[in-house]
Structure formats: C-alpha cells, structure tokens
C-alpha atoms as a PDB file:
ATOM      1  CA  UNK A   1     -19.430  12.408 -59.848  1.00  0.00           C
ATOM      2  CA  UNK A   2     -19.901  13.216 -56.149  1.00  0.00           C
ATOM      3  CA  UNK A   3     -21.469  10.540 -53.932  1.00  0.00           C
ATOM      4  CA  UNK A   4     -22.456  11.068 -50.267  1.00  0.00           C
ATOM      5  CA  UNK A   5     -20.663   8.775 -47.837  1.00  0.00           C
ATOM      6  CA  UNK A   6     -21.493   8.122 -44.185  1.00  0.00           C
ATOM      7  CA  UNK A   7     -19.651   5.848 -41.784  1.00  0.00           C
ATOM      8  CA  UNK A   8     -21.781   4.642 -38.884  1.00  0.00           C
ATOM      9  CA  UNK A   9     -20.780   2.477 -35.915  1.00  0.00           C
ATOM     10  CA  UNK A  10     -23.655   0.002 -35.582  1.00  0.00           C
ATOM     11  CA  UNK A  11     -24.653  -1.801 -32.383  1.00  0.00           C
ATOM     12  CA  UNK A  12     -22.920   0.811 -30.246  1.00  0.00           C
ATOM     13  CA  UNK A  13     -23.788   4.075 -28.482  1.00  0.00           C
ATOM     14  CA  UNK A  14     -20.267   5.447 -28.963  1.00  0.00           C
ATOM     15  CA  UNK A  15     -17.733   5.629 -31.748  1.00  0.00           C
ATOM     16  CA  UNK A  16     -14.818   3.199 -31.994  1.00  0.00           C
ATOM     17  CA  UNK A  17     -17.091   0.371 -30.826  1.00  0.00           C
ATOM     18  CA  UNK A  18     -19.655  -1.824 -32.554  1.00  0.00           C
ATOM     19  CA  UNK A  19     -19.327  -2.547 -36.267  1.00  0.00           C
ATOM     20  CA  UNK A  20     -18.453   0.268 -38.699  1.00  0.00           C
ATOM     21  CA  UNK A  21     -20.396   0.325 -41.964  1.00  0.00           C
ATOM     22  CA  UNK A  22     -20.232   2.712 -44.897  1.00  0.00           C
ATOM     23  CA  UNK A  23     -23.519   3.943 -46.369  1.00  0.00           C
ATOM     24  CA  UNK A  24     -23.895   5.582 -49.790  1.00  0.00           C
ATOM     25  CA  UNK A  25     -27.371   6.985 -50.598  1.00  0.00           C
ATOM     26  CA  UNK A  26     -27.619   7.151 -54.401  1.00  0.00           C
ATOM     27  CA  UNK A  27     -29.975   8.893 -56.825  1.00  0.00           C
ATOM     28  CA  UNK A  28     -29.665   5.908 -59.176  1.00  0.00           C
ATOM     29  CA  UNK A  29     -27.751   2.648 -59.237  1.00  0.00           C
ATOM     30  CA  UNK A  30     -24.107   2.690 -60.228  1.00  0.00           C
ATOM     31  CA  UNK A  31     -22.518  -0.051 -62.282  1.00  0.00           C
ATOM     32  CA  UNK A  32     -21.861  -3.112 -60.143  1.00  0.00           C
ATOM     33  CA  UNK A  33     -18.092  -2.952 -60.665  1.00  0.00           C
ATOM     34  CA  UNK A  34     -18.094   0.673 -59.478  1.00  0.00           C
ATOM     35  CA  UNK A  35     -19.984  -0.222 -56.296  1.00  0.00           C
ATOM     36  CA  UNK A  36     -17.589  -3.102 -55.693  1.00  0.00           C
ATOM     37  CA  UNK A  37     -14.611  -0.775 -56.225  1.00  0.00           C
ATOM     38  CA  UNK A  38     -16.036   1.691 -53.691  1.00  0.00           C
ATOM     39  CA  UNK A  39     -16.540  -1.103 -51.145  1.00  0.00           C
ATOM     40  CA  UNK A  40     -13.008  -2.339 -51.751  1.00  0.00           C
ATOM     41  CA  UNK A  41     -11.648   1.184 -51.311  1.00  0.00           C
ATOM     42  CA  UNK A  42     -13.648   1.672 -48.095  1.00  0.00           C
ATOM     43  CA  UNK A  43     -12.166  -1.602 -46.792  1.00  0.00           C
ATOM     44  CA  UNK A  44     -14.889  -2.069 -44.172  1.00  0.00           C
ATOM     45  CA  UNK A  45     -16.773  -5.292 -43.573  1.00  0.00           C
ATOM     46  CA  UNK A  46     -19.729  -3.853 -45.507  1.00  0.00           C
ATOM     47  CA  UNK A  47     -20.667  -0.888 -47.640  1.00  0.00           C
ATOM     48  CA  UNK A  48     -24.411  -0.411 -48.147  1.00  0.00           C
ATOM     49  CA  UNK A  49     -25.850   1.345 -51.201  1.00  0.00           C
ATOM     50  CA  UNK A  50     -29.451   2.571 -51.042  1.00  0.00           C
ATOM     51  CA  UNK A  51     -31.701   4.015 -53.752  1.00  0.00           C
ATOM     52  CA  UNK A  52     -35.270   5.309 -53.494  1.00  0.00           C
ATOM     53  CA  UNK A  53     -37.480   3.335 -55.894  1.00  0.00           C
ATOM     54  CA  UNK A  54     -41.229   3.154 -56.600  1.00  0.00           C
ATOM     55  CA  UNK A  55     -41.727   0.443 -53.972  1.00  0.00           C
ATOM     56  CA  UNK A  56     -39.576   2.154 -51.328  1.00  0.00           C
ATOM     57  CA  UNK A  57     -35.873   2.011 -50.657  1.00  0.00           C
ATOM     58  CA  UNK A  58     -33.733  -0.759 -52.103  1.00  0.00           C
ATOM     59  CA  UNK A  59     -30.501  -1.822 -50.412  1.00  0.00           C
ATOM     60  CA  UNK A  60     -27.441  -3.738 -51.611  1.00  0.00           C
ATOM     61  CA  UNK A  61     -24.430  -4.771 -49.524  1.00  0.00           C
ATOM     62  CA  UNK A  62     -20.829  -5.261 -50.605  1.00  0.00           C
ATOM     63  CA  UNK A  63     -17.846  -6.588 -48.658  1.00  0.00           C
ATOM     64  CA  UNK A  64     -14.361  -5.631 -49.917  1.00  0.00           C
ATOM     65  CA  UNK A  65     -14.517  -8.646 -52.272  1.00  0.00           C
ATOM     66  CA  UNK A  66     -18.150  -9.498 -53.109  1.00  0.00           C
ATOM     67  CA  UNK A  67     -21.841  -8.647 -52.888  1.00  0.00           C
ATOM     68  CA  UNK A  68     -23.774 -10.508 -50.162  1.00  0.00           C
ATOM     69  CA  UNK A  69     -27.415 -11.523 -49.708  1.00  0.00           C
ATOM     70  CA  UNK A  70     -27.966 -10.229 -46.171  1.00  0.00           C
ATOM     71  CA  UNK A  71     -26.196  -7.900 -43.758  1.00  0.00           C
ATOM     72  CA  UNK A  72     -27.485  -6.669 -40.419  1.00  0.00           C
ATOM     73  CA  UNK A  73     -25.103  -3.968 -39.227  1.00  0.00           C
ATOM     74  CA  UNK A  74     -25.028  -2.153 -42.580  1.00  0.00           C
ATOM     75  CA  UNK A  75     -28.851  -2.255 -42.713  1.00  0.00           C
ATOM     76  CA  UNK A  76     -28.947  -0.702 -39.249  1.00  0.00           C
ATOM     77  CA  UNK A  77     -26.428   1.928 -40.382  1.00  0.00           C
ATOM     78  CA  UNK A  78     -28.373   2.655 -43.589  1.00  0.00           C
ATOM     79  CA  UNK A  79     -31.596   3.117 -41.615  1.00  0.00           C
ATOM     80  CA  UNK A  80     -29.798   5.501 -39.235  1.00  0.00           C
ATOM     81  CA  UNK A  81     -28.634   7.598 -42.202  1.00  0.00           C
ATOM     82  CA  UNK A  82     -32.076   7.697 -43.834  1.00  0.00           C
ATOM     83  CA  UNK A  83     -33.818   8.653 -40.588  1.00  0.00           C
ATOM     84  CA  UNK A  84     -31.257  11.416 -40.030  1.00  0.00           C
ATOM     85  CA  UNK A  85     -31.086  12.737 -43.607  1.00  0.00           C
ATOM     86  CA  UNK A  86     -34.213  11.801 -45.568  1.00  0.00           C
ATOM     87  CA  UNK A  87     -37.188  10.512 -43.578  1.00  0.00           C
ATOM     88  CA  UNK A  88     -38.001  13.278 -41.106  1.00  0.00           C
ATOM     89  CA  UNK A  89     -40.322  12.036 -38.356  1.00  0.00           C
ATOM     90  CA  UNK A  90     -41.063   8.671 -39.982  1.00  0.00           C
ATOM     91  CA  UNK A  91     -40.944   5.825 -37.475  1.00  0.00           C
ATOM     92  CA  UNK A  92     -40.004   3.065 -39.936  1.00  0.00           C
ATOM     93  CA  UNK A  93     -38.357   2.342 -43.264  1.00  0.00           C
ATOM     94  CA  UNK A  94     -38.632  -0.800 -45.378  1.00  0.00           C
ATOM     95  CA  UNK A  95     -35.770  -1.898 -47.591  1.00  0.00           C
ATOM     96  CA  UNK A  96     -36.262  -4.197 -50.567  1.00  0.00           C
ATOM     97  CA  UNK A  97     -33.337  -6.586 -50.736  1.00  0.00           C
ATOM     98  CA  UNK A  98     -32.036  -9.912 -52.021  1.00  0.00           C
ATOM     99  CA  UNK A  99     -33.467 -11.399 -48.814  1.00  0.00           C
ATOM    100  CA  UNK A 100     -36.912  -9.858 -49.248  1.00  0.00           C
ATOM    101  CA  UNK A 101     -38.376  -6.824 -47.467  1.00  0.00           C
ATOM    102  CA  UNK A 102     -36.528  -5.712 -44.319  1.00  0.00           C
ATOM    103  CA  UNK A 103     -38.271  -3.197 -42.057  1.00  0.00           C
ATOM    104  CA  UNK A 104     -36.401  -1.087 -39.495  1.00  0.00           C
ATOM    105  CA  UNK A 105     -38.361   0.782 -36.802  1.00  0.00           C
ATOM    106  CA  UNK A 106     -37.362   3.521 -34.405  1.00  0.00           C
ATOM    107  CA  UNK A 107     -38.075   2.498 -30.826  1.00  0.00           C
ATOM    108  CA  UNK A 108     -38.903   4.852 -27.977  1.00  0.00           C
ATOM    109  CA  UNK A 109     -35.532   3.978 -26.445  1.00  0.00           C
ATOM    110  CA  UNK A 110     -33.769   5.387 -29.514  1.00  0.00           C
ATOM    111  CA  UNK A 111     -32.674   1.949 -30.680  1.00  0.00           C
ATOM    112  CA  UNK A 112     -33.372   0.764 -34.197  1.00  0.00           C
ATOM    113  CA  UNK A 113     -35.153  -2.593 -34.474  1.00  0.00           C
ATOM    114  CA  UNK A 114     -34.720  -4.663 -37.636  1.00  0.00           C
ATOM    115  CA  UNK A 115     -37.283  -7.259 -38.752  1.00  0.00           C
ATOM    116  CA  UNK A 116     -35.270 -10.055 -40.429  1.00  0.00           C
ATOM    117  CA  UNK A 117     -36.054 -13.558 -41.664  1.00  0.00           C
ATOM    118  CA  UNK A 118     -35.288 -16.316 -39.187  1.00  0.00           C
ATOM    119  CA  UNK A 119     -32.697 -18.842 -40.340  1.00  0.00           C
ATOM    120  CA  UNK A 120     -33.026 -22.270 -38.776  1.00  0.00           C
ATOM    121  CA  UNK A 121     -30.011 -24.523 -39.053  1.00  0.00           C
ATOM    122  CA  UNK A 122     -29.928 -28.233 -39.745  1.00  0.00           C
ATOM    123  CA  UNK A 123     -27.669 -30.410 -37.550  1.00  0.00           C
ATOM    124  CA  UNK A 124     -24.624 -31.662 -39.441  1.00  0.00           C
ATOM    125  CA  UNK A 125     -21.219 -33.233 -38.968  1.00  0.00           C
ATOM    126  CA  UNK A 126     -18.335 -30.830 -38.477  1.00  0.00           C
ATOM    127  CA  UNK A 127     -16.366 -30.604 -41.748  1.00  0.00           C
ATOM    128  CA  UNK A 128     -12.619 -31.259 -41.349  1.00  0.00           C
ATOM    129  CA  UNK A 129     -11.814 -27.652 -42.349  1.00  0.00           C
ATOM    130  CA  UNK A 130     -14.060 -26.403 -39.537  1.00  0.00           C
ATOM    131  CA  UNK A 131     -12.267 -28.514 -36.920  1.00  0.00           C
ATOM    132  CA  UNK A 132      -8.881 -27.484 -38.316  1.00  0.00           C
ATOM    133  CA  UNK A 133      -9.839 -23.822 -38.536  1.00  0.00           C
ATOM    134  CA  UNK A 134     -11.197 -23.551 -34.995  1.00  0.00           C
ATOM    135  CA  UNK A 135      -8.722 -25.908 -33.365  1.00  0.00           C
ATOM    136  CA  UNK A 136     -11.460 -27.813 -31.517  1.00  0.00           C
ATOM    137  CA  UNK A 137     -14.049 -30.531 -31.986  1.00  0.00           C
ATOM    138  CA  UNK A 138     -17.443 -28.824 -31.625  1.00  0.00           C
ATOM    139  CA  UNK A 139     -20.094 -30.273 -29.385  1.00  0.00           C
ATOM    140  CA  UNK A 140     -22.840 -29.244 -31.821  1.00  0.00           C
ATOM    141  CA  UNK A 141     -22.831 -27.943 -35.407  1.00  0.00           C
ATOM    142  CA  UNK A 142     -25.691 -26.665 -37.540  1.00  0.00           C
ATOM    143  CA  UNK A 143     -25.683 -25.380 -41.108  1.00  0.00           C
ATOM    144  CA  UNK A 144     -27.744 -22.745 -42.884  1.00  0.00           C
ATOM    145  CA  UNK A 145     -26.252 -19.684 -44.589  1.00  0.00           C
ATOM    146  CA  UNK A 146     -23.379 -20.083 -42.098  1.00  0.00           C
ATOM    147  CA  UNK A 147     -22.083 -22.859 -39.872  1.00  0.00           C
ATOM    148  CA  UNK A 148     -23.258 -22.468 -36.276  1.00  0.00           C
ATOM    149  CA  UNK A 149     -20.805 -23.988 -33.785  1.00  0.00           C
ATOM    150  CA  UNK A 150     -21.858 -24.360 -30.153  1.00  0.00           C
ATOM    151  CA  UNK A 151     -19.101 -24.631 -27.540  1.00  0.00           C
ATOM    152  CA  UNK A 152     -19.115 -25.158 -23.781  1.00  0.00           C
ATOM    153  CA  UNK A 153     -18.269 -21.730 -22.426  1.00  0.00           C
ATOM    154  CA  UNK A 154     -17.933 -18.011 -23.021  1.00  0.00           C
ATOM    155  CA  UNK A 155     -14.208 -18.354 -22.292  1.00  0.00           C
ATOM    156  CA  UNK A 156     -13.825 -20.730 -25.244  1.00  0.00           C
ATOM    157  CA  UNK A 157     -15.528 -18.241 -27.538  1.00  0.00           C
ATOM    158  CA  UNK A 158     -13.396 -15.361 -26.288  1.00  0.00           C
ATOM    159  CA  UNK A 159     -10.094 -17.274 -26.518  1.00  0.00           C
ATOM    160  CA  UNK A 160     -10.505 -18.643 -30.048  1.00  0.00           C
ATOM    161  CA  UNK A 161      -7.579 -17.960 -32.391  1.00  0.00           C
ATOM    162  CA  UNK A 162      -8.815 -19.360 -35.724  1.00  0.00           C
ATOM    163  CA  UNK A 163      -6.807 -20.528 -38.694  1.00  0.00           C
ATOM    164  CA  UNK A 164      -8.476 -18.332 -41.301  1.00  0.00           C
ATOM    165  CA  UNK A 165      -6.875 -20.128 -44.249  1.00  0.00           C
ATOM    166  CA  UNK A 166      -8.575 -23.339 -43.124  1.00  0.00           C
ATOM    167  CA  UNK A 167     -11.958 -21.634 -42.549  1.00  0.00           C
ATOM    168  CA  UNK A 168     -11.768 -20.121 -46.038  1.00  0.00           C
ATOM    169  CA  UNK A 169     -12.055 -23.660 -47.463  1.00  0.00           C
ATOM    170  CA  UNK A 170     -15.611 -24.041 -46.132  1.00  0.00           C
ATOM    171  CA  UNK A 171     -18.679 -24.012 -48.380  1.00  0.00           C
ATOM    172  CA  UNK A 172     -20.728 -21.506 -46.340  1.00  0.00           C
ATOM    173  CA  UNK A 173     -20.568 -17.732 -45.991  1.00  0.00           C
ATOM    174  CA  UNK A 174     -18.987 -17.899 -42.550  1.00  0.00           C
ATOM    175  CA  UNK A 175     -18.717 -19.508 -39.128  1.00  0.00           C
ATOM    176  CA  UNK A 176     -20.622 -18.468 -35.998  1.00  0.00           C
ATOM    177  CA  UNK A 177     -19.190 -19.701 -32.696  1.00  0.00           C
ATOM    178  CA  UNK A 178     -21.495 -19.325 -29.712  1.00  0.00           C
ATOM    179  CA  UNK A 179     -22.004 -20.241 -26.045  1.00  0.00           C
ATOM    180  CA  UNK A 180     -24.141 -19.348 -23.061  1.00  0.00           C
ATOM    181  CA  UNK A 181     -23.159 -15.963 -21.662  1.00  0.00           C
ATOM    182  CA  UNK A 182     -22.269 -14.920 -18.132  1.00  0.00           C
ATOM    183  CA  UNK A 183     -23.810 -11.452 -18.255  1.00  0.00           C
ATOM    184  CA  UNK A 184     -25.861 -11.962 -21.447  1.00  0.00           C
ATOM    185  CA  UNK A 185     -28.174 -14.726 -22.633  1.00  0.00           C
ATOM    186  CA  UNK A 186     -25.593 -15.812 -25.190  1.00  0.00           C
ATOM    187  CA  UNK A 187     -22.338 -14.659 -26.745  1.00  0.00           C
ATOM    188  CA  UNK A 188     -20.784 -15.214 -30.148  1.00  0.00           C
ATOM    189  CA  UNK A 189     -18.025 -14.426 -32.636  1.00  0.00           C
ATOM    190  CA  UNK A 190     -18.232 -14.519 -36.432  1.00  0.00           C
ATOM    191  CA  UNK A 191     -15.589 -15.362 -39.025  1.00  0.00           C
ATOM    192  CA  UNK A 192     -15.959 -15.076 -42.820  1.00  0.00           C
ATOM    193  CA  UNK A 193     -12.523 -15.131 -44.492  1.00  0.00           C
ATOM    194  CA  UNK A 194     -13.882 -16.371 -47.819  1.00  0.00           C
ATOM    195  CA  UNK A 195     -16.050 -13.206 -47.959  1.00  0.00           C
ATOM    196  CA  UNK A 196     -13.045 -10.990 -47.283  1.00  0.00           C
ATOM    197  CA  UNK A 197     -13.793 -10.605 -43.554  1.00  0.00           C
ATOM    198  CA  UNK A 198     -11.482 -12.451 -41.159  1.00  0.00           C
ATOM    199  CA  UNK A 199     -13.565 -11.516 -38.104  1.00  0.00           C
ATOM    200  CA  UNK A 200     -16.649  -9.319 -38.221  1.00  0.00           C
ATOM    201  CA  UNK A 201     -16.987  -7.083 -35.130  1.00  0.00           C
ATOM    202  CA  UNK A 202     -20.802  -7.374 -34.723  1.00  0.00           C
ATOM    203  CA  UNK A 203     -22.872  -9.438 -37.141  1.00  0.00           C
ATOM    204  CA  UNK A 204     -26.597  -8.723 -37.240  1.00  0.00           C
ATOM    205  CA  UNK A 205     -27.356 -11.313 -39.917  1.00  0.00           C
ATOM    206  CA  UNK A 206     -25.688 -14.090 -37.895  1.00  0.00           C
ATOM    207  CA  UNK A 207     -28.311 -13.468 -35.222  1.00  0.00           C
ATOM    208  CA  UNK A 208     -31.011 -14.534 -37.691  1.00  0.00           C
ATOM    209  CA  UNK A 209     -29.653 -18.014 -36.955  1.00  0.00           C
ATOM    210  CA  UNK A 210     -28.547 -17.469 -33.354  1.00  0.00           C
ATOM    211  CA  UNK A 211     -31.887 -16.151 -32.090  1.00  0.00           C
ATOM    212  CA  UNK A 212     -34.031 -19.188 -33.051  1.00  0.00           C
ATOM    213  CA  UNK A 213     -31.379 -21.537 -31.663  1.00  0.00           C
ATOM    214  CA  UNK A 214     -31.051 -19.848 -28.279  1.00  0.00           C
ATOM    215  CA  UNK A 215     -34.762 -19.007 -27.950  1.00  0.00           C
ATOM    216  CA  UNK A 216     -35.578 -22.710 -28.265  1.00  0.00           C
ATOM    217  CA  UNK A 217     -32.734 -23.828 -26.009  1.00  0.00           C
ATOM    218  CA  UNK A 218     -33.446 -21.260 -23.272  1.00  0.00           C
ATOM    219  CA  UNK A 219     -37.233 -21.329 -23.609  1.00  0.00           C
ATOM    220  CA  UNK A 220     -37.579 -17.553 -23.959  1.00  0.00           C
ATOM    221  CA  UNK A 221     -38.459 -15.168 -26.773  1.00  0.00           C
ATOM    222  CA  UNK A 222     -36.578 -12.060 -25.644  1.00  0.00           C
ATOM    223  CA  UNK A 223     -32.787 -12.287 -25.383  1.00  0.00           C
ATOM    224  CA  UNK A 224     -29.824  -9.965 -25.025  1.00  0.00           C
ATOM    225  CA  UNK A 225     -26.631 -10.971 -26.817  1.00  0.00           C
ATOM    226  CA  UNK A 226     -23.037  -9.794 -26.910  1.00  0.00           C
ATOM    227  CA  UNK A 227     -20.567 -10.318 -29.729  1.00  0.00           C
ATOM    228  CA  UNK A 228     -17.122 -10.819 -28.239  1.00  0.00           C
ATOM    229  CA  UNK A 229     -14.938  -9.159 -30.876  1.00  0.00           C
ATOM    230  CA  UNK A 230     -12.295  -6.622 -29.905  1.00  0.00           C
ATOM    231  CA  UNK A 231     -14.776  -3.795 -30.578  1.00  0.00           C
ATOM    232  CA  UNK A 232     -17.763  -5.625 -29.092  1.00  0.00           C
ATOM    233  CA  UNK A 233     -21.455  -4.954 -29.511  1.00  0.00           C
ATOM    234  CA  UNK A 234     -24.811  -5.575 -27.825  1.00  0.00           C
ATOM    235  CA  UNK A 235     -27.907  -6.845 -29.630  1.00  0.00           C
ATOM    236  CA  UNK A 236     -31.471  -6.909 -28.286  1.00  0.00           C
ATOM    237  CA  UNK A 237     -33.258  -9.884 -29.804  1.00  0.00           C
ATOM    238  CA  UNK A 238     -36.743 -11.338 -30.135  1.00  0.00           C
ATOM    239  CA  UNK A 239     -37.857 -14.627 -31.663  1.00  0.00           C
ATOM    240  CA  UNK A 240     -41.086 -14.274 -33.659  1.00  0.00           C
ATOM    241  CA  UNK A 241     -41.215 -17.644 -35.368  1.00  0.00           C
ATOM    242  CA  UNK A 242     -40.531 -17.066 -39.084  1.00  0.00           C
ATOM    243  CA  UNK A 243     -39.028 -13.646 -38.309  1.00  0.00           C
ATOM    244  CA  UNK A 244     -36.608 -12.264 -35.732  1.00  0.00           C
ATOM    245  CA  UNK A 245     -36.184  -8.769 -34.317  1.00  0.00           C
ATOM    246  CA  UNK A 246     -32.596  -7.556 -33.991  1.00  0.00           C
ATOM    247  CA  UNK A 247     -32.282  -4.174 -32.284  1.00  0.00           C
ATOM    248  CA  UNK A 248     -29.332  -2.002 -31.438  1.00  0.00           C
ATOM    249  CA  UNK A 249     -27.923   1.489 -31.186  1.00  0.00           C
ATOM    250  CA  UNK A 250     -25.899   3.343 -33.814  1.00  0.00           C
ATOM    251  CA  UNK A 251     -23.817   6.504 -33.961  1.00  0.00           C
ATOM    252  CA  UNK A 252     -22.210   8.564 -36.710  1.00  0.00           C
ATOM    253  CA  UNK A 253     -18.432   8.478 -37.012  1.00  0.00           C
ATOM    254  CA  UNK A 254     -17.882  10.333 -40.287  1.00  0.00           C
ATOM    255  CA  UNK A 255     -19.690  11.954 -43.213  1.00  0.00           C
ATOM    256  CA  UNK A 256     -18.370  13.317 -46.483  1.00  0.00           C
ATOM    257  CA  UNK A 257     -18.250  12.632 -50.204  1.00  0.00           C
ATOM    258  CA  UNK A 258     -16.646  10.298 -52.692  1.00  0.00           C
ATOM    259  CA  UNK A 259     -15.411  11.952 -55.903  1.00  0.00           C
ATOM    260  CA  UNK A 260     -15.087   9.573 -58.841  1.00  0.00           C
END
C-alpha cells in the first residue's frame, strides 16, 4: 500500500522553523494500530490523518505514543496540504474531529486562520509534581485540558529547564508556561512528556487556553503571540468568546510516499 506523506512546518514562513507536522491524506481509514505505527515511525510531535467523508473532511491526530483530542499545528498543516492538493480555489475547509468541527480559512495575507473552541481554565493549587518539574513556585495556575502556569517574565519562560520525569506524573495532557512578552502580547512554552512530547515547538491547541486568559487580562481581543522554543513560532490570535481564532503561516518541507 502506498500512502501520500507531506511534512509541513506550521506557524512559520520558512523551513526549519515553526512546528513540523506530518500529514497523510487517505482514501479510507487505516486500522488504528497502523496509524499509530506510522506516527511512531515519523517521530514528530503530531501526524495528522485526513479522509474525505460525506460531511466533509475528518481529521485524527497521533503523537508518537497516542491519539489526541485536539492539535493546532497539525490541523494548520493538514489544511495547507488540502488547499495545495485537493481544494483548488476554495477559501475554507472544515474538519470533523474529536473536538467538534474545526474550520480553517485562507486569509488575504496568505495566513491560515483556524476557528477552535476556547478553553477556559479554572484556578487551582499547583500540584507538587508541577512545582518539582518546573523548579519554581508559580504565581498563578489554572487547569483545563492542560495546566496553565503564569510566571513573572519572558526571561523566566525562556530559561526554564524542566524535569520532564516529574512533569510526566501530572494528570493533564501537558503544561503551558506563559508570561507577558516584550515584543509580543504574550509568550509561552509547552511541555507534554506523558504524551511523548518533551517540548512542543509551537502549540496551536495550547492557545485555545492562552487566548482567553490573555484577552481578559490585557483587555483586548486581538493578540500576537510567540512560542519560545528553539524553533520558535508566531501566532496571530483573536478572542471570540466561545471560540478563538489562531492564525499562522505554513510551508512545505517534504513530500513523498509511505510504502507499507
């Protein structure tokens, strides 16, 4: 069996930056263990599989160790592939997913804008494993799909050297660490060792939680964010109440086939 494979750098205008995602457009769904094996072999933070169904395109995301409910950068990458290979002049595509319908639109700027559900965290005490894993006592912690940890400065975010074994003990998907930015509205990093991802370069889905937090704190709906990983990435954000818009650029690194 020959399966198309694309690798796209999401949230970047140039290769070797942003967050690389693999995308496999399929004619029909493969067995789940086969999709997981492909994602493990790809060894990227996410591999997205997409299939055209009666109600539009359906998308599923796999890390090297598990399937996940929501992923931003691989959705952006999958939309880039479909616009380039399948959708002609269409200006939007809607994916059916575990997290409901996700629409991606082409903007006049060339960016792709994703319409995602907003995730609003609840304040909570910092679990001991979170303090141990980050090596600091957070000033503020919220919990939703991930833990959101607010620290005092961009320098603290940039200089973090987490204990991933400690963070892997947590009961959430991952840990977002964030602060006000110097050149951007806010900055962040994202760690998810218990999902097989020590540090994710640019995490679209984490901004479903970051955008409502910073929009309320800063009193503005439109924000520009930077994820401070080694590769880095810029996200253009909008708070729309129950939904958020997460926009960014993407570029193709590689295309080919998997033979299995």
